[in-house]
C-alpha atoms as a PDB file:
ATOM      1  CA  MET A   1     -84.334 179.014  16.753  1.00  0.00           C
ATOM      2  CA  SER A   2     -86.160 178.058  13.545  1.00  0.00           C
ATOM      3  CA  LEU A   3     -85.155 179.471  10.174  1.00  0.00           C
ATOM      4  CA  ARG A   4     -87.340 182.340   8.922  1.00  0.00           C
ATOM      5  CA  ILE A   5     -87.565 182.262   5.129  1.00  0.00           C
ATOM      6  CA  GLY A   6     -89.172 184.718   2.711  1.00  0.00           C
ATOM      7  CA  VAL A   7     -90.096 183.359  -0.736  1.00  0.00           C
ATOM      8  CA  ASP A   8     -91.209 185.458  -3.683  1.00  0.00           C
ATOM      9  CA  ILE A   9     -93.914 183.922  -5.888  1.00  0.00           C
ATOM     10  CA  ASP A  10     -93.641 185.077  -9.511  1.00  0.00           C
ATOM     11  CA  GLY A  11     -90.401 184.042 -11.173  1.00  0.00           C
ATOM     12  CA  VAL A  12     -89.459 181.804  -8.233  1.00  0.00           C
ATOM     13  CA  LEU A  13     -92.434 179.458  -7.942  1.00  0.00           C
ATOM     14  CA  ALA A  14     -94.944 180.579 -10.578  1.00  0.00           C
ATOM     15  CA  ASP A  15     -94.306 181.044 -14.314  1.00  0.00           C
ATOM     16  CA  PHE A  16     -95.650 184.580 -14.620  1.00  0.00           C
ATOM     17  CA  ARG A  17     -93.940 185.331 -17.942  1.00  0.00           C
ATOM     18  CA  THR A  18     -95.701 182.577 -19.874  1.00  0.00           C
ATOM     19  CA  ALA A  19     -99.083 183.552 -18.410  1.00  0.00           C
ATOM     20  CA  PHE A  20     -98.559 187.237 -19.222  1.00  0.00           C
ATOM     21  CA  HIS A  21     -97.469 186.329 -22.758  1.00  0.00           C
ATOM     22  CA  ALA A  22    -100.615 184.268 -23.361  1.00  0.00           C
ATOM     23  CA  THR A  23    -102.805 187.023 -21.937  1.00  0.00           C
ATOM     24  CA  ALA A  24    -101.080 189.639 -24.103  1.00  0.00           C
ATOM     25  CA  GLN A  25    -101.805 187.644 -27.262  1.00  0.00           C
ATOM     26  CA  ARG A  26    -105.452 187.204 -26.269  1.00  0.00           C
ATOM     27  CA  CYS A  27    -105.898 190.815 -25.182  1.00  0.00           C
ATOM     28  CA  LEU A  28    -104.020 192.537 -28.024  1.00  0.00           C
ATOM     29  CA  ASN A  29    -105.234 190.036 -30.627  1.00  0.00           C
ATOM     30  CA  ARG A  30    -101.860 189.827 -32.326  1.00  0.00           C
ATOM     31  CA  ASP A  31     -98.758 187.685 -32.288  1.00  0.00           C
ATOM     32  CA  VAL A  32     -96.342 188.718 -29.565  1.00  0.00           C
ATOM     33  CA  THR A  33     -93.971 185.777 -29.941  1.00  0.00           C
ATOM     34  CA  GLY A  34     -90.633 186.427 -28.286  1.00  0.00           C
ATOM     35  CA  VAL A  35     -92.006 188.504 -25.449  1.00  0.00           C
ATOM     36  CA  ASN A  36     -90.085 187.438 -22.353  1.00  0.00           C
ATOM     37  CA  ASP A  37     -90.276 190.408 -20.022  1.00  0.00           C
ATOM     38  CA  PRO A  38     -93.590 192.240 -20.458  1.00  0.00           C
ATOM     39  CA  LYS A  39     -92.228 195.387 -18.876  1.00  0.00           C
ATOM     40  CA  SER A  40     -89.185 195.754 -21.123  1.00  0.00           C
ATOM     41  CA  SER A  41     -90.044 194.015 -24.395  1.00  0.00           C
ATOM     42  CA  GLU A  42     -89.665 196.092 -27.540  1.00  0.00           C
ATOM     43  CA  GLN A  43     -92.865 194.526 -28.901  1.00  0.00           C
ATOM     44  CA  LEU A  44     -94.978 195.904 -26.039  1.00  0.00           C
ATOM     45  CA  ASP A  45     -95.024 199.643 -25.463  1.00  0.00           C
ATOM     46  CA  ASP A  46     -96.378 201.264 -22.313  1.00  0.00           C
ATOM     47  CA  ARG A  47     -99.876 201.455 -23.764  1.00  0.00           C
ATOM     48  CA  ASP A  48     -99.857 197.731 -24.579  1.00  0.00           C
ATOM     49  CA  VAL A  49     -98.670 196.858 -21.082  1.00  0.00           C
ATOM     50  CA  ARG A  50    -101.429 198.948 -19.522  1.00  0.00           C
ATOM     51  CA  ARG A  51    -104.024 197.221 -21.733  1.00  0.00           C
ATOM     52  CA  VAL A  52    -102.816 193.799 -20.645  1.00  0.00           C
ATOM     53  CA  TRP A  53    -102.843 194.744 -16.965  1.00  0.00           C
ATOM     54  CA  ASP A  54    -106.342 196.187 -17.352  1.00  0.00           C
ATOM     55  CA  PHE A  55    -107.419 192.900 -18.926  1.00  0.00           C
ATOM     56  CA  ILE A  56    -105.903 190.998 -15.995  1.00  0.00           C
ATOM     57  CA  ALA A  57    -107.692 193.296 -13.537  1.00  0.00           C
ATOM     58  CA  ARG A  58    -111.031 192.384 -15.175  1.00  0.00           C
ATOM     59  CA  THR A  59    -110.327 188.636 -15.273  1.00  0.00           C
ATOM     60  CA  THR A  60    -111.765 186.616 -12.412  1.00  0.00           C
ATOM     61  CA  ASN A  61    -109.062 184.921 -10.312  1.00  0.00           C
ATOM     62  CA  TRP A  62    -106.376 185.363 -12.979  1.00  0.00           C
ATOM     63  CA  TRP A  63    -103.582 184.528 -10.507  1.00  0.00           C
ATOM     64  CA  MET A  64    -104.998 181.052  -9.870  1.00  0.00           C
ATOM     65  CA  ASP A  65    -104.219 179.835 -13.403  1.00  0.00           C
ATOM     66  CA  LEU A  66    -100.432 180.337 -13.452  1.00  0.00           C
ATOM     67  CA  GLN A  67     -98.352 177.224 -13.984  1.00  0.00           C
ATOM     68  CA  PRO A  68     -95.683 176.268 -11.431  1.00  0.00           C
ATOM     69  CA  TYR A  69     -92.066 175.902 -12.472  1.00  0.00           C
ATOM     70  CA  GLU A  70     -91.371 172.938 -10.184  1.00  0.00           C
ATOM     71  CA  GLN A  71     -94.493 171.646  -8.474  1.00  0.00           C
ATOM     72  CA  ASP A  72     -92.700 168.719  -6.848  1.00  0.00           C
ATOM     73  CA  GLN A  73     -90.142 171.093  -5.300  1.00  0.00           C
ATOM     74  CA  ILE A  74     -92.871 173.292  -3.812  1.00  0.00           C
ATOM     75  CA  ALA A  75     -94.255 170.195  -2.114  1.00  0.00           C
ATOM     76  CA  ARG A  76     -90.721 169.309  -1.014  1.00  0.00           C
ATOM     77  CA  LEU A  77     -90.336 172.791   0.499  1.00  0.00           C
ATOM     78  CA  TYR A  78     -93.465 172.094   2.532  1.00  0.00           C
ATOM     79  CA  ASP A  79     -92.056 168.770   3.753  1.00  0.00           C
ATOM     80  CA  LEU A  80     -88.766 170.408   4.754  1.00  0.00           C
ATOM     81  CA  THR A  81     -90.646 173.212   6.496  1.00  0.00           C
ATOM     82  CA  ARG A  82     -92.621 170.731   8.595  1.00  0.00           C
ATOM     83  CA  ALA A  83     -89.587 168.560   9.381  1.00  0.00           C
ATOM     84  CA  ALA A  84     -87.195 171.421  10.288  1.00  0.00           C
ATOM     85  CA  ARG A  85     -89.896 173.667  11.822  1.00  0.00           C
ATOM     86  CA  TRP A  86     -89.058 176.526   9.478  1.00  0.00           C
ATOM     87  CA  GLU A  87     -91.284 179.590   9.282  1.00  0.00           C
ATOM     88  CA  VAL A  88     -91.929 180.387   5.608  1.00  0.00           C
ATOM     89  CA  ILE A  89     -93.591 183.614   4.500  1.00  0.00           C
ATOM     90  CA  PHE A  90     -94.548 184.003   0.849  1.00  0.00           C
ATOM     91  CA  VAL A  91     -94.295 187.625  -0.317  1.00  0.00           C
ATOM     92  CA  THR A  92     -95.685 189.233  -3.458  1.00  0.00           C
ATOM     93  CA  ASN A  93     -96.699 192.620  -4.821  1.00  0.00           C
ATOM     94  CA  ARG A  94     -99.229 191.267  -7.333  1.00  0.00           C
ATOM     95  CA  PRO A  95    -101.861 193.798  -8.434  1.00  0.00           C
ATOM     96  CA  PRO A  96    -105.469 192.753  -7.832  1.00  0.00           C
ATOM     97  CA  SER A  97    -107.657 190.967 -10.355  1.00  0.00           C
ATOM     98  CA  ALA A  98    -111.393 190.373 -10.333  1.00  0.00           C
ATOM     99  CA  GLY A  99    -112.722 187.674  -8.062  1.00  0.00           C
ATOM    100  CA  ASP A 100    -111.044 186.788  -4.791  1.00  0.00           C
ATOM    101  CA  SER A 101    -108.323 188.833  -3.141  1.00  0.00           C
ATOM    102  CA  VAL A 102    -104.735 188.416  -4.332  1.00  0.00           C
ATOM    103  CA  GLN A 103    -103.857 186.903  -0.966  1.00  0.00           C
ATOM    104  CA  PHE A 104    -106.576 184.255  -1.218  1.00  0.00           C
ATOM    105  CA  GLN A 105    -105.758 183.455  -4.866  1.00  0.00           C
ATOM    106  CA  THR A 106    -102.094 183.008  -3.937  1.00  0.00           C
ATOM    107  CA  GLN A 107    -102.903 180.852  -0.915  1.00  0.00           C
ATOM    108  CA  TRP A 108    -105.228 178.687  -2.991  1.00  0.00           C
ATOM    109  CA  TRP A 109    -102.579 178.330  -5.701  1.00  0.00           C
ATOM    110  CA  LEU A 110     -99.885 177.304  -3.174  1.00  0.00           C
ATOM    111  CA  GLU A 111    -102.135 174.669  -1.633  1.00  0.00           C
ATOM    112  CA  ARG A 112    -102.761 173.211  -5.086  1.00  0.00           C
ATOM    113  CA  GLN A 113     -98.970 172.799  -5.463  1.00  0.00           C
ATOM    114  CA  GLY A 114     -98.692 170.960  -2.138  1.00  0.00           C
ATOM    115  CA  PHE A 115     -97.828 173.719   0.346  1.00  0.00           C
ATOM    116  CA  TYR A 116    -100.653 173.722   2.869  1.00  0.00           C
ATOM    117  CA  LEU A 117    -101.751 176.596   5.134  1.00  0.00           C
ATOM    118  CA  PRO A 118     -99.325 179.095   3.532  1.00  0.00           C
ATOM    119  CA  ALA A 119     -98.666 182.504   5.055  1.00  0.00           C
ATOM    120  CA  VAL A 120     -98.932 185.063   2.224  1.00  0.00           C
ATOM    121  CA  LEU A 121     -98.145 188.777   2.455  1.00  0.00           C
ATOM    122  CA  THR A 122     -99.113 191.067  -0.420  1.00  0.00           C
ATOM    123  CA  VAL A 123     -96.782 193.962   0.340  1.00  0.00           C
ATOM    124  CA  PRO A 124     -95.366 196.439  -2.201  1.00  0.00           C
ATOM    125  CA  GLY A 125     -92.297 198.512  -1.489  1.00  0.00           C
ATOM    126  CA  SER A 126     -88.856 197.808  -0.087  1.00  0.00           C
ATOM    127  CA  ARG A 127     -87.925 194.163   0.439  1.00  0.00           C
ATOM    128  CA  GLY A 128     -85.192 195.267   2.826  1.00  0.00           C
ATOM    129  CA  GLU A 129     -87.730 196.920   5.115  1.00  0.00           C
ATOM    130  CA  LEU A 130     -89.938 193.844   4.846  1.00  0.00           C
ATOM    131  CA  ALA A 131     -87.048 191.521   5.731  1.00  0.00           C
ATOM    132  CA  ASN A 132     -86.265 193.701   8.738  1.00  0.00           C
ATOM    133  CA  ALA A 133     -89.877 193.805   9.929  1.00  0.00           C
ATOM    134  CA  LEU A 134     -90.309 190.038   9.580  1.00  0.00           C
ATOM    135  CA  ARG A 135     -86.855 189.255  11.015  1.00  0.00           C
ATOM    136  CA  LEU A 136     -86.101 187.074   8.014  1.00  0.00           C
ATOM    137  CA  ASP A 137     -82.938 185.012   7.836  1.00  0.00           C
ATOM    138  CA  VAL A 138     -83.060 184.678   4.032  1.00  0.00           C
ATOM    139  CA  LEU A 139     -85.194 185.814   1.092  1.00  0.00           C
ATOM    140  CA  ILE A 140     -85.458 184.025  -2.271  1.00  0.00           C
ATOM    141  CA  ASP A 141     -86.287 186.426  -5.111  1.00  0.00           C
ATOM    142  CA  ASP A 142     -85.909 186.557  -8.890  1.00  0.00           C
ATOM    143  CA  LEU A 143     -85.033 190.273  -9.044  1.00  0.00           C
ATOM    144  CA  LEU A 144     -81.492 191.413  -8.297  1.00  0.00           C
ATOM    145  CA  ARG A 145     -82.655 194.816  -7.053  1.00  0.00           C
ATOM    146  CA  ASN A 146     -84.810 193.128  -4.393  1.00  0.00           C
ATOM    147  CA  CYS A 147     -81.903 190.945  -3.289  1.00  0.00           C
ATOM    148  CA  VAL A 148     -79.582 193.958  -3.077  1.00  0.00           C
ATOM    149  CA  ASP A 149     -82.250 195.799  -1.091  1.00  0.00           C
ATOM    150  CA  VAL A 150     -82.350 192.904   1.378  1.00  0.00           C
ATOM    151  CA  VAL A 151     -78.600 192.548   1.955  1.00  0.00           C
ATOM    152  CA  THR A 152     -78.045 196.309   2.227  1.00  0.00           C
ATOM    153  CA  GLY A 153     -81.145 197.167   4.250  1.00  0.00           C
ATOM    154  CA  SER A 154     -81.349 194.271   6.691  1.00  0.00           C
ATOM    155  CA  ALA A 155     -79.371 191.501   8.348  1.00  0.00           C
ATOM    156  CA  ALA A 156     -81.051 188.865   6.141  1.00  0.00           C
ATOM    157  CA  LYS A 157     -79.314 186.891   3.398  1.00  0.00           C
ATOM    158  CA  ALA A 158     -80.546 186.835  -0.197  1.00  0.00           C
ATOM    159  CA  LEU A 159     -80.735 184.079  -2.781  1.00  0.00           C
ATOM    160  CA  LEU A 160     -81.275 185.159  -6.392  1.00  0.00           C
ATOM    161  CA  MET A 161     -83.351 182.818  -8.552  1.00  0.00           C
ATOM    162  CA  LEU A 162     -81.752 183.279 -11.980  1.00  0.00           C
ATOM    163  CA  ARG A 163     -83.603 180.905 -14.303  1.00  0.00           C
ATOM    164  CA  ASP A 164     -82.095 182.460 -17.447  1.00  0.00           C
ATOM    165  CA  GLU A 165     -78.343 182.181 -17.930  1.00  0.00           C
ATOM    166  CA  ASP A 166     -76.925 185.657 -17.382  1.00  0.00           C
ATOM    167  CA  ASP A 167     -73.262 185.683 -16.386  1.00  0.00           C
ATOM    168  CA  THR A 168     -73.220 189.458 -15.875  1.00  0.00           C
ATOM    169  CA  MET A 169     -76.207 189.382 -13.530  1.00  0.00           C
ATOM    170  CA  ARG A 170     -74.754 186.397 -11.712  1.00  0.00           C
ATOM    171  CA  GLN A 171     -71.436 188.181 -11.172  1.00  0.00           C
ATOM    172  CA  HIS A 172     -73.166 191.344  -9.938  1.00  0.00           C
ATOM    173  CA  ALA A 173     -75.037 189.257  -7.374  1.00  0.00           C
ATOM    174  CA  MET A 174     -71.994 187.296  -6.257  1.00  0.00           C
ATOM    175  CA  ASN A 175     -69.990 190.501  -5.788  1.00  0.00           C
ATOM    176  CA  ARG A 176     -72.607 191.636  -3.285  1.00  0.00           C
ATOM    177  CA  GLY A 177     -72.580 188.408  -1.306  1.00  0.00           C
ATOM    178  CA  ILE A 178     -75.829 187.141  -2.846  1.00  0.00           C
ATOM    179  CA  GLY A 179     -76.138 183.447  -3.675  1.00  0.00           C
ATOM    180  CA  VAL A 180     -77.394 182.506  -7.145  1.00  0.00           C
ATOM    181  CA  VAL A 181     -79.364 179.388  -8.123  1.00  0.00           C
ATOM    182  CA  PRO A 182     -81.170 178.491 -11.373  1.00  0.00           C
ATOM    183  CA  THR A 183     -83.951 176.371  -9.853  1.00  0.00           C
ATOM    184  CA  LEU A 184     -85.864 175.784  -6.647  1.00  0.00           C
ATOM    185  CA  ALA A 185     -84.428 172.257  -6.586  1.00  0.00           C
ATOM    186  CA  GLN A 186     -80.972 173.788  -6.146  1.00  0.00           C
ATOM    187  CA  ALA A 187     -82.189 176.418  -3.678  1.00  0.00           C
ATOM    188  CA  LEU A 188     -83.538 173.911  -1.150  1.00  0.00           C
ATOM    189  CA  PRO A 189     -80.130 172.349  -0.300  1.00  0.00           C
ATOM    190  CA  VAL A 190     -78.865 175.888   0.321  1.00  0.00           C
ATOM    191  CA  LEU A 191     -81.677 176.404   2.829  1.00  0.00           C
ATOM    192  CA  GLU A 192     -80.804 173.110   4.509  1.00  0.00           C
ATOM    193  CA  HIS A 193     -77.155 174.146   4.756  1.00  0.00           C
ATOM    194  CA  LEU A 194     -78.182 177.558   6.073  1.00  0.00           C
ATOM    195  CA  HIS A 195     -80.339 175.794   8.673  1.00  0.00           C
ATOM    196  CA  GLU A 196     -77.181 174.089   9.957  1.00  0.00           C
ATOM    197  CA  GLU A 197     -74.925 177.152   9.812  1.00  0.00           C
ATOM    198  CA  MET A 198     -77.163 179.937  11.123  1.00  0.00           C
ATOM    199  CA  PRO A 199     -77.048 178.883  14.794  1.00  0.00           C
ATOM    200  CA  LYS A 200     -73.248 179.105  14.590  1.00  0.00           C
ATOM    201  CA  ARG A 201     -72.922 182.368  12.665  1.00  0.00           C
ATOM    202  CA  ARG A 202     -75.697 184.930  12.551  1.00  0.00           C
ATOM    203  CA  GLY A 203     -75.456 188.399  11.052  1.00  0.00           C
ATOM    204  CA  ARG A 204     -73.724 189.900   8.031  1.00  0.00           C
ATOM    205  CA  LEU A 205     -70.552 187.810   8.247  1.00  0.00           C
ATOM    206  CA  LEU A 206     -72.208 184.856   6.538  1.00  0.00           C
ATOM    207  CA  ARG A 207     -72.217 185.397   2.758  1.00  0.00           C
ATOM    208  CA  LEU A 208     -74.247 183.004   0.631  1.00  0.00           C
ATOM    209  CA  ALA A 209     -72.099 183.832  -2.388  1.00  0.00           C
ATOM    210  CA  ASP A 210     -69.113 182.184  -0.679  1.00  0.00           C
ATOM    211  CA  TRP A 211     -70.859 178.813  -0.969  1.00  0.00           C
ATOM    212  CA  PHE A 212     -70.950 179.049  -4.755  1.00  0.00           C
ATOM    213  CA  LYS A 213     -67.284 179.841  -5.375  1.00  0.00           C
ATOM    214  CA  PRO A 214     -65.056 177.046  -6.667  1.00  0.00           C
ATOM    215  CA  ALA A 215     -62.951 175.434  -3.967  1.00  0.00           C
ATOM    216  CA  GLN A 216     -59.404 176.749  -3.868  1.00  0.00           C
ATOM    217  CA  ASN A 217     -56.566 174.232  -3.818  1.00  0.00           C
ATOM    218  CA  ALA A 218     -54.643 175.036  -0.643  1.00  0.00           C
ATOM    219  CA  ASN A 219     -52.016 172.339  -1.222  1.00  0.00           C
ATOM    220  CA  HIS A 220     -49.013 174.075  -2.755  1.00  0.00           C
ATOM    221  CA  THR A 221     -46.634 171.106  -2.520  1.00  0.00           C
ATOM    222  CA  LEU A 222     -45.320 169.487  -5.663  1.00  0.00           C
ATOM    223  CA  PRO A 223     -46.989 166.309  -6.895  1.00  0.00           C
ATOM    224  CA  HIS A 224     -45.451 162.960  -6.098  1.00  0.00           C
ATOM    225  CA  ASN A 225     -43.687 162.944  -9.453  1.00  0.00           C
ATOM    226  CA  PRO A 226     -42.911 166.573 -10.385  1.00  0.00           C
ATOM    227  CA  ARG A 227     -41.737 165.535 -13.844  1.00  0.00           C
ATOM    228  CA  LEU A 228     -45.356 164.882 -14.847  1.00  0.00           C
ATOM    229  CA  THR A 229     -46.295 168.541 -14.614  1.00  0.00           C
ATOM    230  CA  GLN A 230     -42.957 170.345 -14.536  1.00  0.00           C
ATOM    231  CA  PRO A 231     -40.509 168.787 -16.998  1.00  0.00           C
ATOM    232  CA  LEU A 232     -36.865 169.407 -16.305  1.00  0.00           C
ATOM    233  CA  PRO A 233     -35.218 171.970 -18.591  1.00  0.00           C
ATOM    234  CA  GLU A 234     -32.866 170.799 -21.329  1.00  0.00           C
ATOM    235  CA  ARG A 235     -29.276 170.703 -20.092  1.00  0.00           C
ATOM    236  CA  THR A 236     -26.157 170.821 -22.269  1.00  0.00           C
ATOM    237  CA  ARG A 237     -23.587 168.162 -21.471  1.00  0.00           C
ATOM    238  CA  PRO A 238     -20.174 169.638 -20.651  1.00  0.00           C
ATOM    239  CA  GLN A 239     -17.352 168.824 -23.092  1.00  0.00           C
ATOM    240  CA  LEU A 240     -14.695 166.842 -21.246  1.00  0.00           C
ATOM    241  CA  PRO A 241     -11.090 166.867 -22.478  1.00  0.00           C
ATOM    242  CA  THR A 242     -10.036 163.726 -24.380  1.00  0.00           C
ATOM    243  CA  PRO A 243      -7.469 161.784 -22.320  1.00  0.00           C
ATOM    244  CA  HIS A 244      -4.061 161.039 -23.952  1.00  0.00           C
ATOM    245  CA  HIS A 245      -3.080 157.391 -24.161  1.00  0.00           C
ATOM    246  CA  PRO A 246       0.269 156.820 -22.344  1.00  0.00           C
ATOM    247  CA  THR A 247       1.711 154.757 -25.244  1.00  0.00           C
ATOM    248  CA  ALA A 248       0.945 157.496 -27.731  1.00  0.00           C
ATOM    249  CA  ARG A 249       2.647 160.004 -25.447  1.00  0.00           C
ATOM    250  CA  ARG A 250       5.858 157.928 -25.335  1.00  0.00           C
ATOM    251  CA  GLU A 251       5.912 157.647 -29.131  1.00  0.00           C
ATOM    252  CA  GLU A 252       5.588 161.392 -29.445  1.00  0.00           C
ATOM    253  CA  THR A 253       8.569 162.016 -27.077  1.00  0.00           C
ATOM    254  CA  GLN A 254      10.778 159.433 -28.753  1.00  0.00           C
ATOM    255  CA  GLY A 255      10.170 160.875 -32.168  1.00  0.00           C
END
């Protein structure tokens, strides 16, 4: 049975943050340097965010102009999909912009990156329900809440794309059995490994997080030379009695 893979677009393949930042500067006509997350930045209040989204909604084919994070890896995903006969479904909840439909803009964008004839679903709502409906084996997403929704609401596995170093977020994901990778280049070997393991073990018993834990040393025997790592404790030499010379003993008795 071929692997069924769900792949989110923004934050996994496409650099949405940079595009939103540039649009915010153009729309608001002010410097918004330092804006990383448009929905939580202190420099953009709710009114600003709505203005930017309204601007996007009026822009023709805005979603076609996003830059890819790793264009060569998107093409590599296509090659792996063809070679291993995977079924890849790209999922997104992008709001519409002017011009073509979000689905067509996303398909066109994926083909430009080297993934031909992509299947794109523009579905808002629960990713767990989506994974169940599509019978996915694994979903790659950049939001922890979506990954948690998948592993708790379906039998699918989840792989969190964490491009920014965040040890707390990483630990939260690992504690829930979710694998964590910083790039698509590191996610693809995980998919290849999953392709080999899934026929052997399907269901909830297979945790992706287990593949990212450091290997435990099961060899509890001492090294060849234990002195190298475990020096012997200092030992006090016992005081032996001084032997009496026989000649001296005779002199003592004669005297």
